[in-house]
Amino acid sequence: MNKDQVKGAAKDAAGKTQEAAGKLVGSKDQQAKGLAKQVEGSVQKNYGDAKETVKDVTRDVSRDATKGNNRF
C-alpha cells in the first residue's frame, strides 16, 4: 500500500462524510463539495493502485529475468 492509496481512501471517506452532513443540513453546496472530494479521492486511490501494479509487475519481471525465466 502506498501513500496515494491511503490519501485517496481518506479523501473518499471525508467526502462521504461531507456529503452526508450536507444532506442533513439541506446544503446542496456541501453535498456537491462532498461528491467532488469523493471523486478526487477515488482518482488518487486508483492512481496509487496503478503504481502498485506497475511496481509488482516490474518486480516480478526483474525476478524472473535474474532466474533466467524469460516470459517473452
Protein backbone atom coordinates (compact mmCIF):
# COMPACT_ATOMS: atom_id res chain seq x y z
CA MET A 1 0.00 0.00 0.00
CA ASN A 2 1.34 3.42 -0.91
CA LYS A 3 0.60 6.98 0.18
CA ASP A 4 -1.72 7.68 -2.76
CA GLN A 5 -3.90 4.71 -1.86
CA VAL A 6 -4.12 5.84 1.76
CA LYS A 7 -4.70 9.53 1.00
CA GLY A 8 -7.24 8.66 -1.67
CA ALA A 9 -9.22 6.43 0.65
CA ALA A 10 -9.14 9.14 3.33
CA LYS A 11 -10.40 11.80 0.89
CA ASP A 12 -13.16 9.49 -0.26
CA ALA A 13 -14.27 8.88 3.33
CA ALA A 14 -14.11 12.60 4.13
CA GLY A 15 -16.17 13.34 1.04
CA LYS A 16 -18.82 10.84 2.07
CA THR A 17 -18.99 12.47 5.49
CA GLN A 18 -19.23 15.94 3.97
CA GLU A 19 -21.94 14.83 1.56
CA ALA A 20 -23.95 13.26 4.38
CA ALA A 21 -23.58 16.39 6.51
CA GLY A 22 -24.76 18.48 3.58
CA LYS A 23 -27.83 16.28 3.21
CA LEU A 24 -28.51 16.52 6.92
CA VAL A 25 -28.50 20.31 6.95
CA GLY A 26 -30.00 20.69 3.48
CA SER A 27 -26.94 22.26 1.88
CA LYS A 28 -26.62 21.40 -1.81
CA ASP A 29 -23.26 23.19 -1.84
CA GLN A 30 -21.81 20.91 0.86
CA GLN A 31 -23.27 17.86 -0.85
CA ALA A 32 -21.59 18.85 -4.12
CA LYS A 33 -18.28 19.55 -2.37
CA GLY A 34 -18.51 16.14 -0.70
CA LEU A 35 -19.15 14.41 -4.00
CA ALA A 36 -16.22 16.26 -5.59
CA LYS A 37 -13.95 15.19 -2.74
CA GLN A 38 -15.09 11.58 -3.22
CA VAL A 39 -14.18 11.72 -6.90
CA GLU A 40 -10.81 13.27 -6.07
CA GLY A 41 -10.15 10.54 -3.51
CA SER A 42 -11.21 7.79 -5.87
CA VAL A 43 -8.92 9.09 -8.61
CA GLN A 44 -5.99 9.33 -6.20
CA LYS A 45 -6.62 5.82 -4.86
CA ASN A 46 -6.84 4.42 -8.39
CA TYR A 47 -3.57 6.16 -9.24
CA GLY A 48 -2.00 4.53 -6.18
CA ASP A 49 -3.41 1.16 -7.23
CA ALA A 50 -1.86 1.58 -10.68
CA LYS A 51 1.51 2.49 -9.15
CA GLU A 52 1.37 -0.66 -7.02
CA THR A 53 0.53 -2.79 -10.05
CA VAL A 54 3.44 -1.39 -12.03
CA LYS A 55 5.77 -1.93 -9.08
CA ASP A 56 4.58 -5.54 -8.67
CA VAL A 57 4.92 -6.36 -12.37
CA THR A 58 8.34 -4.72 -12.56
CA ARG A 59 9.49 -6.69 -9.53
CA ASP A 60 8.16 -9.96 -10.98
CA VAL A 61 9.78 -9.38 -14.38
CA SER A 62 13.06 -8.42 -12.74
CA ARG A 63 12.96 -11.50 -10.52
CA ASP A 64 12.17 -13.77 -13.47
CA ALA A 65 14.98 -12.22 -15.50
CA THR A 66 17.53 -12.89 -12.77
CA LYS A 67 16.36 -16.50 -12.51
CA GLY A 68 16.55 -16.99 -16.25
CA ASN A 69 12.80 -17.39 -16.66
CA ASN A 70 12.03 -15.43 -19.79
CA ARG A 71 8.30 -15.00 -20.24
CA PHE A 72 8.64 -13.21 -23.55
